[in-house]
Amino acid sequence: MCQIADLRSYRLIVAGALDAETVAEICPPDTRMTDADGATTLSIPRTDQAALIGVLRQLHNLGYTLLRVEAGVGGEPRQPRGILP
Protein backbone atom coordinates (compact mmCIF):
# COMPACT_ATOMS: atom_id res chain seq x y z
CA MET A 1 0.00 0.00 0.00
CA CYS A 2 1.23 3.47 -0.86
CA GLN A 3 2.03 5.76 2.05
CA ILE A 4 2.19 9.54 2.01
CA ALA A 5 6.01 9.39 2.13
CA ASP A 6 5.94 7.35 -1.11
CA LEU A 7 4.21 10.15 -3.02
CA ARG A 8 6.35 12.48 -5.10
CA SER A 9 5.76 15.07 -7.76
CA TYR A 10 7.25 14.41 -11.18
CA ARG A 11 7.96 16.48 -14.24
CA LEU A 12 8.25 14.68 -17.57
CA ILE A 13 9.48 16.39 -20.71
CA VAL A 14 8.47 14.67 -23.93
CA ALA A 15 9.50 15.47 -27.50
CA GLY A 16 6.62 16.73 -29.61
CA ALA A 17 3.12 17.84 -28.74
CA LEU A 18 0.60 15.82 -26.78
CA ASP A 19 -3.07 16.69 -26.95
CA ALA A 20 -5.16 17.31 -23.84
CA GLU A 21 -7.33 14.24 -24.50
CA THR A 22 -4.31 11.90 -24.48
CA VAL A 23 -2.97 13.47 -21.29
CA ALA A 24 -6.37 13.05 -19.62
CA GLU A 25 -6.45 9.37 -20.61
CA ILE A 26 -2.95 8.35 -19.52
CA CYS A 27 -2.03 10.70 -16.67
CA PRO A 28 -3.26 10.96 -13.08
CA PRO A 29 -5.82 13.66 -12.25
CA ASP A 30 -4.42 17.17 -11.70
CA THR A 31 -1.60 16.65 -14.21
CA ARG A 32 -0.65 19.95 -15.83
CA MET A 33 0.52 20.14 -19.42
CA THR A 34 2.52 22.91 -21.09
CA ASP A 35 3.95 23.07 -24.62
CA ALA A 36 7.08 24.99 -25.59
CA ASP A 37 9.93 24.70 -28.07
CA GLY A 38 8.71 21.47 -29.67
CA ALA A 39 8.29 19.62 -26.37
CA THR A 40 5.51 18.94 -23.88
CA THR A 41 6.05 19.19 -20.14
CA LEU A 42 3.81 17.11 -17.88
CA SER A 43 3.77 18.12 -14.22
CA ILE A 44 2.33 15.25 -12.19
CA PRO A 45 1.62 16.16 -8.56
CA ARG A 46 1.82 13.69 -5.67
CA THR A 47 1.80 10.27 -7.24
CA ASP A 48 3.61 6.99 -6.60
CA GLN A 49 6.16 5.23 -8.78
CA ALA A 50 3.64 2.67 -10.02
CA ALA A 51 1.51 5.43 -11.53
CA LEU A 52 4.62 7.09 -12.98
CA ILE A 53 5.71 3.83 -14.62
CA GLY A 54 2.22 3.46 -16.10
CA VAL A 55 2.45 6.92 -17.68
CA LEU A 56 5.94 6.18 -19.03
CA ARG A 57 4.74 2.93 -20.59
CA GLN A 58 1.76 4.62 -22.20
CA LEU A 59 3.98 7.36 -23.64
CA HIS A 60 6.36 4.73 -24.99
CA ASN A 61 3.51 2.69 -26.50
CA LEU A 62 2.23 5.82 -28.24
CA GLY A 63 5.68 6.44 -29.75
CA TYR A 64 6.71 9.54 -27.78
CA THR A 65 10.36 10.21 -26.92
CA LEU A 66 11.07 10.96 -23.27
CA LEU A 67 13.63 13.77 -22.93
CA ARG A 68 13.82 14.25 -19.17
CA VAL A 69 12.39 13.09 -15.83
CA GLU A 70 12.59 15.19 -12.67
CA ALA A 71 11.41 14.07 -9.26
CA GLY A 72 10.75 15.96 -6.04
CA VAL A 73 8.94 15.53 -2.76
CA GLY A 74 5.72 17.39 -2.05
CA GLY A 75 4.88 20.25 -4.42
CA GLU A 76 6.91 20.93 -7.54
CA PRO A 77 9.75 18.67 -8.64
CA ARG A 78 13.16 19.81 -7.43
CA GLN A 79 16.54 18.69 -8.75
CA PRO A 80 16.64 16.47 -11.84
CA ARG A 81 17.03 12.80 -10.87
CA GLY A 82 17.85 11.57 -14.32
CA ILE A 83 18.33 12.78 -17.82
CA LEU A 84 17.72 10.50 -20.74
CA PRO A 85 19.62 11.04 -24.01
PDB file of N, CA and C in Angstrom:
ATOM      1  N   MET A   1       0.835  -1.190   0.000  1.00  0.00           N
ATOM      2  CA  MET A   1       0.000   0.000   0.000  1.00  0.00           C
ATOM      3  C   MET A   1       0.870   1.239   0.000  1.00  0.00           C
ATOM      4  N   CYS A   2       0.474   2.229  -0.734  1.00  0.00           N
ATOM      5  CA  CYS A   2       1.226   3.466  -0.865  1.00  0.00           C
ATOM      6  C   CYS A   2       1.018   4.338   0.364  1.00  0.00           C
ATOM      7  N   GLN A   3       2.101   4.841   0.919  1.00  0.00           N
ATOM      8  CA  GLN A   3       2.031   5.755   2.054  1.00  0.00           C
ATOM      9  C   GLN A   3       2.338   7.160   1.566  1.00  0.00           C
ATOM     10  N   ILE A   4       1.979   8.149   2.378  1.00  0.00           N
ATOM     11  CA  ILE A   4       2.190   9.541   2.009  1.00  0.00           C
ATOM     12  C   ILE A   4       3.663   9.791   1.661  1.00  0.00           C
ATOM     13  N   ALA A   5       4.584   9.192   2.394  1.00  0.00           N
ATOM     14  CA  ALA A   5       6.011   9.390   2.135  1.00  0.00           C
ATOM     15  C   ALA A   5       6.417   8.852   0.768  1.00  0.00           C
ATOM     16  N   ASP A   6       5.640   7.932   0.200  1.00  0.00           N
ATOM     17  CA  ASP A   6       5.945   7.354  -1.105  1.00  0.00           C
ATOM     18  C   ASP A   6       5.476   8.233  -2.264  1.00  0.00           C
ATOM     19  N   LEU A   7       4.741   9.282  -1.973  1.00  0.00           N
ATOM     20  CA  LEU A   7       4.215  10.148  -3.015  1.00  0.00           C
ATOM     21  C   LEU A   7       5.213  11.242  -3.343  1.00  0.00           C
ATOM     22  N   ARG A   8       5.449  11.438  -4.618  1.00  0.00           N
ATOM     23  CA  ARG A   8       6.346  12.485  -5.097  1.00  0.00           C
ATOM     24  C   ARG A   8       5.669  13.196  -6.260  1.00  0.00           C
ATOM     25  N   SER A   9       6.179  14.366  -6.558  1.00  0.00           N
ATOM     26  CA  SER A   9       5.762  15.070  -7.761  1.00  0.00           C
ATOM     27  C   SER A   9       6.800  14.802  -8.836  1.00  0.00           C
ATOM     28  N   TYR A  10       6.353  14.696 -10.067  1.00  0.00           N
ATOM     29  CA  TYR A  10       7.253  14.409 -11.183  1.00  0.00           C
ATOM     30  C   TYR A  10       7.010  15.397 -12.301  1.00  0.00           C
ATOM     31  N   ARG A  11       8.068  15.680 -13.029  1.00  0.00           N
ATOM     32  CA  ARG A  11       7.962  16.481 -14.236  1.00  0.00           C
ATOM     33  C   ARG A  11       8.575  15.657 -15.364  1.00  0.00           C
ATOM     34  N   LEU A  12       7.791  15.418 -16.398  1.00  0.00           N
ATOM     35  CA  LEU A  12       8.245  14.677 -17.568  1.00  0.00           C
ATOM     36  C   LEU A  12       8.298  15.638 -18.743  1.00  0.00           C
ATOM     37  N   ILE A  13       9.382  15.593 -19.494  1.00  0.00           N
ATOM     38  CA  ILE A  13       9.481  16.388 -20.710  1.00  0.00           C
ATOM     39  C   ILE A  13       9.569  15.418 -21.878  1.00  0.00           C
ATOM     40  N   VAL A  14       8.643  15.588 -22.809  1.00  0.00           N
ATOM     41  CA  VAL A  14       8.469  14.666 -23.927  1.00  0.00           C
ATOM     42  C   VAL A  14       8.642  15.440 -25.231  1.00  0.00           C
ATOM     43  N   ALA A  15       9.352  14.844 -26.189  1.00  0.00           N
ATOM     44  CA  ALA A  15       9.501  15.474 -27.501  1.00  0.00           C
ATOM     45  C   ALA A  15       8.154  15.499 -28.210  1.00  0.00           C
ATOM     46  N   GLY A  16       7.857  16.618 -28.855  1.00  0.00           N
ATOM     47  CA  GLY A  16       6.619  16.735 -29.609  1.00  0.00           C
ATOM     48  C   GLY A  16       5.468  17.265 -28.767  1.00  0.00           C
ATOM     49  N   ALA A  17       4.321  17.301 -29.386  1.00  0.00           N
ATOM     50  CA  ALA A  17       3.123  17.838 -28.739  1.00  0.00           C
ATOM     51  C   ALA A  17       2.150  16.713 -28.409  1.00  0.00           C
ATOM     52  N   LEU A  18       1.671  16.729 -27.189  1.00  0.00           N
ATOM     53  CA  LEU A  18       0.595  15.823 -26.779  1.00  0.00           C
ATOM     54  C   LEU A  18      -0.695  16.624 -26.767  1.00  0.00           C
ATOM     55  N   ASP A  19      -1.799  15.972 -27.040  1.00  0.00           N
ATOM     56  CA  ASP A  19      -3.068  16.686 -26.950  1.00  0.00           C
ATOM     57  C   ASP A  19      -3.679  16.452 -25.571  1.00  0.00           C
ATOM     58  N   ALA A  20      -4.557  17.347 -25.172  1.00  0.00           N
ATOM     59  CA  ALA A  20      -5.155  17.308 -23.838  1.00  0.00           C
ATOM     60  C   ALA A  20      -5.929  16.010 -23.596  1.00  0.00           C
ATOM     61  N   GLU A  21      -6.560  15.482 -24.640  1.00  0.00           N
ATOM     62  CA  GLU A  21      -7.327  14.242 -24.496  1.00  0.00           C
ATOM     63  C   GLU A  21      -6.412  13.064 -24.129  1.00  0.00           C
ATOM     64  N   THR A  22      -5.271  12.963 -24.779  1.00  0.00           N
ATOM     65  CA  THR A  22      -4.313  11.901 -24.479  1.00  0.00           C
ATOM     66  C   THR A  22      -3.803  12.029 -23.050  1.00  0.00           C
ATOM     67  N   VAL A  23      -3.457  13.242 -22.655  1.00  0.00           N
ATOM     68  CA  VAL A  23      -2.971  13.473 -21.292  1.00  0.00           C
ATOM     69  C   VAL A  23      -4.038  13.067 -20.276  1.00  0.00           C
ATOM     70  N   ALA A  24      -5.283  13.417 -20.535  1.00  0.00           N
ATOM     71  CA  ALA A  24      -6.371  13.053 -19.618  1.00  0.00           C
ATOM     72  C   ALA A  24      -6.541  11.545 -19.514  1.00  0.00           C
ATOM     73  N   GLU A  25      -6.294  10.832 -20.604  1.00  0.00           N
ATOM     74  CA  GLU A  25      -6.454   9.372 -20.610  1.00  0.00           C
ATOM     75  C   GLU A  25      -5.323   8.640 -19.898  1.00  0.00           C
ATOM     76  N   ILE A  26      -4.081   9.126 -20.027  1.00  0.00           N
ATOM     77  CA  ILE A  26      -2.948   8.349 -19.523  1.00  0.00           C
ATOM     78  C   ILE A  26      -2.329   8.881 -18.237  1.00  0.00           C
ATOM     79  N   CYS A  27      -2.657  10.097 -17.842  1.00  0.00           N
ATOM     80  CA  CYS A  27      -2.026  10.704 -16.671  1.00  0.00           C
ATOM     81  C   CYS A  27      -2.983  10.762 -15.481  1.00  0.00           C
ATOM     82  N   PRO A  28      -2.414  10.807 -14.267  1.00  0.00           N
ATOM     83  CA  PRO A  28      -3.255  10.958 -13.077  1.00  0.00           C
ATOM     84  C   PRO A  28      -4.004  12.301 -13.103  1.00  0.00           C
ATOM     85  N   PRO A  29      -5.097  12.390 -12.352  1.00  0.00           N
ATOM     86  CA  PRO A  29      -5.821  13.664 -12.254  1.00  0.00           C
ATOM     87  C   PRO A  29      -4.893  14.768 -11.757  1.00  0.00           C
ATOM     88  N   ASP A  30      -5.180  15.985 -12.103  1.00  0.00           N
ATOM     89  CA  ASP A  30      -4.416  17.172 -11.701  1.00  0.00           C
ATOM     90  C   ASP A  30      -3.081  17.313 -12.417  1.00  0.00           C
ATOM     91  N   THR A  31      -2.820  16.490 -13.425  1.00  0.00           N
ATOM     92  CA  THR A  31      -1.600  16.650 -14.212  1.00  0.00           C
ATOM     93  C   THR A  31      -1.727  17.922 -15.044  1.00  0.00           C
ATOM     94  N   ARG A  32      -0.664  18.726 -15.024  1.00  0.00           N
ATOM     95  CA  ARG A  32      -0.649  19.952 -15.825  1.00  0.00           C
ATOM     96  C   ARG A  32       0.224  19.732 -17.051  1.00  0.00           C
ATOM     97  N   MET A  33      -0.192  20.304 -18.159  1.00  0.00           N
ATOM     98  CA  MET A  33       0.523  20.143 -19.420  1.00  0.00           C
ATOM     99  C   MET A  33       0.859  21.515 -19.978  1.00  0.00           C
ATOM    100  N   THR A  34       2.117  21.685 -20.409  1.00  0.00           N
ATOM    101  CA  THR A  34       2.522  22.906 -21.095  1.00  0.00           C
ATOM    102  C   THR A  34       3.351  22.519 -22.315  1.00  0.00           C
ATOM    103  N   ASP A  35       3.195  23.293 -23.384  1.00  0.00           N
ATOM    104  CA  ASP A  35       3.946  23.073 -24.619  1.00  0.00           C
ATOM    105  C   ASP A  35       4.879  24.249 -24.845  1.00  0.00           C
ATOM    106  N   ALA A  36       6.121  23.939 -25.242  1.00  0.00           N
ATOM    107  CA  ALA A  36       7.079  24.986 -25.588  1.00  0.00           C
ATOM    108  C   ALA A  36       8.243  24.378 -26.335  1.00  0.00           C
ATOM    109  N   ASP A  37       8.717  25.071 -27.340  1.00  0.00           N
ATOM    110  CA  ASP A  37       9.930  24.698 -28.072  1.00  0.00           C
ATOM    111  C   ASP A  37       9.916  23.254 -28.585  1.00  0.00           C
ATOM    112  N   GLY A  38       8.783  22.807 -29.083  1.00  0.00           N
ATOM    113  CA  GLY A  38       8.705  21.473 -29.667  1.00  0.00           C
ATOM    114  C   GLY A  38       8.661  20.335 -28.661  1.00  0.00           C
ATOM    115  N   ALA A  39       8.371  20.649 -27.412  1.00  0.00           N
ATOM    116  CA  ALA A  39       8.289  19.621 -26.367  1.00  0.00           C
ATOM    117  C   ALA A  39       7.076  19.884 -25.485  1.00  0.00           C
ATOM    118  N   THR A  40       6.617  18.830 -24.822  1.00  0.00           N
ATOM    119  CA  THR A  40       5.507  18.936 -23.884  1.00  0.00           C
ATOM    120  C   THR A  40       6.022  18.600 -22.501  1.00  0.00           C
ATOM    121  N   THR A  41       5.690  19.435 -21.535  1.00  0.00           N
ATOM    122  CA  THR A  41       6.046  19.186 -20.143  1.00  0.00           C
ATOM    123  C   THR A  41       4.799  18.749 -19.395  1.00  0.00           C
ATOM    124  N   LEU A  42       4.891  17.613 -18.715  1.00  0.00           N
ATOM    125  CA  LEU A  42       3.809  17.110 -17.880  1.00  0.00           C
ATOM    126  C   LEU A  42       4.240  17.230 -16.429  1.00  0.00           C
ATOM    127  N   SER A  43       3.503  17.988 -15.647  1.00  0.00           N
ATOM    128  CA  SER A  43       3.767  18.118 -14.217  1.00  0.00           C
ATOM    129  C   SER A  43       2.730  17.277 -13.485  1.00  0.00           C
ATOM    130  N   ILE A  44       3.217  16.209 -12.856  1.00  0.00           N
ATOM    131  CA  ILE A  44       2.333  15.250 -12.195  1.00  0.00           C
ATOM    132  C   ILE A  44       2.496  15.405 -10.687  1.00  0.00           C
ATOM    133  N   PRO A  45       1.486  15.934  -9.992  1.00  0.00           N
ATOM    134  CA  PRO A  45       1.616  16.155  -8.556  1.00  0.00           C
ATOM    135  C   PRO A  45       1.304  14.907  -7.738  1.00  0.00           C
ATOM    136  N   ARG A  46       2.063  14.694  -6.716  1.00  0.00           N
ATOM    137  CA  ARG A  46       1.824  13.694  -5.668  1.00  0.00           C
ATOM    138  C   ARG A  46       1.295  12.359  -6.193  1.00  0.00           C
ATOM    139  N   THR A  47       2.169  11.597  -6.760  1.00  0.00           N
ATOM    140  CA  THR A  47       1.803  10.271  -7.237  1.00  0.00           C
ATOM    141  C   THR A  47       2.888   9.281  -6.825  1.00  0.00           C
ATOM    142  N   ASP A  48       2.611   8.004  -6.964  1.00  0.00           N
ATOM    143  CA  ASP A  48       3.611   6.994  -6.604  1.00  0.00           C
ATOM    144  C   ASP A  48       4.323   6.495  -7.855  1.00  0.00           C
ATOM    145  N   GLN A  49       5.372   5.699  -7.650  1.00  0.00           N
ATOM    146  CA  GLN A  49       6.160   5.227  -8.783  1.00  0.00           C
ATOM    147  C   GLN A  49       5.366   4.313  -9.710  1.00  0.00           C
ATOM    148  N   ALA A  50       4.438   3.548  -9.170  1.00  0.00           N
ATOM    149  CA  ALA A  50       3.641   2.666 -10.023  1.00  0.00           C
ATOM    150  C   ALA A  50       2.844   3.479 -11.044  1.00  0.00           C
ATOM    151  N   ALA A  51       2.257   4.580 -10.611  1.00  0.00           N
ATOM    152  CA  ALA A  51       1.511   5.433 -11.535  1.00  0.00           C
ATOM    153  C   ALA A  51       2.450   6.081 -12.543  1.00  0.00           C
ATOM    154  N   LEU A  52       3.635   6.501 -12.083  1.00  0.00           N
ATOM    155  CA  LEU A  52       4.618   7.086 -12.985  1.00  0.00           C
ATOM    156  C   LEU A  52       5.034   6.088 -14.064  1.00  0.00           C
ATOM    157  N   ILE A  53       5.313   4.867 -13.661  1.00  0.00           N
ATOM    158  CA  ILE A  53       5.709   3.833 -14.624  1.00  0.00           C
ATOM    159  C   ILE A  53       4.592   3.589 -15.632  1.00  0.00           C
ATOM    160  N   GLY A  54       3.349   3.619 -15.180  1.00  0.00           N
ATOM    161  CA  GLY A  54       2.216   3.465 -16.096  1.00  0.00           C
ATOM    162  C   GLY A  54       2.178   4.565 -17.144  1.00  0.00           C
ATOM    163  N   VAL A  55       2.424   5.797 -16.732  1.00  0.00           N
ATOM    164  CA  VAL A  55       2.449   6.925 -17.678  1.00  0.00           C
ATOM    165  C   VAL A  55       3.600   6.745 -18.666  1.00  0.00           C
ATOM    166  N   LEU A  56       4.775   6.375 -18.155  1.00  0.00           N
ATOM    167  CA  LEU A  56       5.936   6.183 -19.029  1.00  0.00           C
ATOM    168  C   LEU A  56       5.678   5.090 -20.066  1.00  0.00           C
ATOM    169  N   ARG A  57       5.058   4.015 -19.644  1.00  0.00           N
ATOM    170  CA  ARG A  57       4.736   2.928 -20.590  1.00  0.00           C
ATOM    171  C   ARG A  57       3.757   3.381 -21.652  1.00  0.00           C
ATOM    172  N   GLN A  58       2.748   4.125 -21.234  1.00  0.00           N
ATOM    173  CA  GLN A  58       1.758   4.622 -22.202  1.00  0.00           C
ATOM    174  C   GLN A  58       2.415   5.553 -23.213  1.00  0.00           C
ATOM    175  N   LEU A  59       3.282   6.458 -22.732  1.00  0.00           N
ATOM    176  CA  LEU A  59       3.975   7.364 -23.642  1.00  0.00           C
ATOM    177  C   LEU A  59       4.835   6.580 -24.634  1.00  0.00           C
ATOM    178  N   HIS A  60       5.529   5.573 -24.131  1.00  0.00           N
ATOM    179  CA  HIS A  60       6.361   4.729 -24.988  1.00  0.00           C
ATOM    180  C   HIS A  60       5.498   4.003 -26.031  1.00  0.00           C
ATOM    181  N   ASN A  61       4.395   3.428 -25.586  1.00  0.00           N
ATOM    182  CA  ASN A  61       3.509   2.695 -26.497  1.00  0.00           C
ATOM    183  C   ASN A  61       2.922   3.591 -27.583  1.00  0.00           C
ATOM    184  N   LEU A  62       2.767   4.872 -27.264  1.00  0.00           N
ATOM    185  CA  LEU A  62       2.234   5.823 -28.235  1.00  0.00           C
ATOM    186  C   LEU A  62       3.324   6.398 -29.141  1.00  0.00           C
ATOM    187  N   GLY A  63       4.589   6.026 -28.884  1.00  0.00           N
ATOM    188  CA  GLY A  63       5.684   6.445 -29.747  1.00  0.00           C
ATOM    189  C   GLY A  63       6.345   7.759 -29.384  1.00  0.00           C
ATOM    190  N   TYR A  64       6.081   8.286 -28.197  1.00  0.00           N
ATOM    191  CA  TYR A  64       6.706   9.539 -27.782  1.00  0.00           C
ATOM    192  C   TYR A  64       8.109   9.286 -27.241  1.00  0.00           C
ATOM    193  N   THR A  65       8.988  10.277 -27.410  1.00  0.00           N
ATOM    194  CA  THR A  65      10.360  10.205 -26.918  1.00  0.00           C
ATOM    195  C   THR A  65      10.470  10.994 -25.627  1.00  0.00           C
ATOM    196  N   LEU A  66      10.893  10.332 -24.566  1.00  0.00           N
ATOM    197  CA  LEU A  66      11.074  10.964 -23.269  1.00  0.00           C
ATOM    198  C   LEU A  66      12.420  11.681 -23.261  1.00  0.00           C
ATOM    199  N   LEU A  67      12.405  12.981 -22.942  1.00  0.00           N
ATOM    200  CA  LEU A  67      13.629  13.766 -22.928  1.00  0.00           C
ATOM    201  C   LEU A  67      14.214  13.919 -21.527  1.00  0.00           C
ATOM    202  N   ARG A  68      13.337  13.997 -20.527  1.00  0.00           N
ATOM    203  CA  ARG A  68      13.815  14.252 -19.168  1.00  0.00           C
ATOM    204  C   ARG A  68      12.768  13.849 -18.141  1.00  0.00           C
ATOM    205  N   VAL A  69      13.258  13.392 -16.972  1.00  0.00           N
ATOM    206  CA  VAL A  69      12.394  13.091 -15.835  1.00  0.00           C
ATOM    207  C   VAL A  69      12.989  13.793 -14.625  1.00  0.00           C
ATOM    208  N   GLU A  70      12.169  14.534 -13.909  1.00  0.00           N
ATOM    209  CA  GLU A  70      12.594  15.189 -12.675  1.00  0.00           C
ATOM    210  C   GLU A  70      11.658  14.742 -11.564  1.00  0.00           C
ATOM    211  N   ALA A  71      12.225  14.506 -10.390  1.00  0.00           N
ATOM    212  CA  ALA A  71      11.412  14.070  -9.257  1.00  0.00           C
ATOM    213  C   ALA A  71      11.662  14.973  -8.061  1.00  0.00           C
ATOM    214  N   GLY A  72      10.642  15.180  -7.255  1.00  0.00           N
ATOM    215  CA  GLY A  72      10.754  15.961  -6.036  1.00  0.00           C
ATOM    216  C   GLY A  72       9.781  15.428  -5.006  1.00  0.00           C
ATOM    217  N   VAL A  73       9.845  15.941  -3.823  1.00  0.00           N
ATOM    218  CA  VAL A  73       8.938  15.530  -2.757  1.00  0.00           C
ATOM    219  C   VAL A  73       7.981  16.672  -2.502  1.00  0.00           C
ATOM    220  N   GLY A  74       6.714  16.365  -2.356  1.00  0.00           N
ATOM    221  CA  GLY A  74       5.722  17.391  -2.046  1.00  0.00           C
ATOM    222  C   GLY A  74       5.244  18.093  -3.285  1.00  0.00           C
ATOM    223  N   GLY A  75       5.409  19.443  -3.336  1.00  0.00           N
ATOM    224  CA  GLY A  75       4.880  20.252  -4.417  1.00  0.00           C
ATOM    225  C   GLY A  75       5.544  20.026  -5.749  1.00  0.00           C
ATOM    226  N   GLU A  76       6.279  21.007  -6.226  1.00  0.00           N
ATOM    227  CA  GLU A  76       6.908  20.925  -7.540  1.00  0.00           C
ATOM    228  C   GLU A  76       8.166  20.071  -7.486  1.00  0.00           C
ATOM    229  N   PRO A  77       8.489  19.423  -8.582  1.00  0.00           N
ATOM    230  CA  PRO A  77       9.746  18.674  -8.637  1.00  0.00           C
ATOM    231  C   PRO A  77      10.931  19.590  -8.378  1.00  0.00           C
ATOM    232  N   ARG A  78      11.963  19.027  -7.744  1.00  0.00           N
ATOM    233  CA  ARG A  78      13.156  19.806  -7.431  1.00  0.00           C
ATOM    234  C   ARG A  78      14.280  19.474  -8.398  1.00  0.00           C
ATOM    235  N   GLN A  79      15.376  18.990  -7.916  1.00  0.00           N
ATOM    236  CA  GLN A  79      16.544  18.691  -8.754  1.00  0.00           C
ATOM    237  C   GLN A  79      16.254  17.545  -9.704  1.00  0.00           C
ATOM    238  N   PRO A  80      16.802  17.600 -10.913  1.00  0.00           N
ATOM    239  CA  PRO A  80      16.644  16.475 -11.836  1.00  0.00           C
ATOM    240  C   PRO A  80      17.253  15.209 -11.236  1.00  0.00           C
ATOM    241  N   ARG A  81      16.553  14.092 -11.361  1.00  0.00           N
ATOM    242  CA  ARG A  81      17.031  12.798 -10.872  1.00  0.00           C
ATOM    243  C   ARG A  81      17.667  12.012 -11.991  1.00  0.00           C
ATOM    244  N   GLY A  82      17.301  12.313 -13.196  1.00  0.00           N
ATOM    245  CA  GLY A  82      17.849  11.567 -14.319  1.00  0.00           C
ATOM    246  C   GLY A  82      17.572  12.281 -15.614  1.00  0.00           C
ATOM    247  N   ILE A  83      18.509  12.187 -16.512  1.00  0.00           N
ATOM    248  CA  ILE A  83      18.327  12.775 -17.822  1.00  0.00           C
ATOM    249  C   ILE A  83      18.551  11.681 -18.842  1.00  0.00           C
ATOM    250  N   LEU A  84      17.610  11.521 -19.710  1.00  0.00           N
ATOM    251  CA  LEU A  84      17.721  10.504 -20.744  1.00  0.00           C
ATOM    252  C   LEU A  84      18.224  11.157 -22.019  1.00  0.00           C
ATOM    253  N   PRO A  85      19.097  10.466 -22.755  1.00  0.00           N
ATOM    254  CA  PRO A  85      19.620  11.036 -24.007  1.00  0.00           C
ATOM    255  C   PRO A  85      18.529  11.182 -25.058  1.00  0.00           C
TER     256      PRO A  85
END
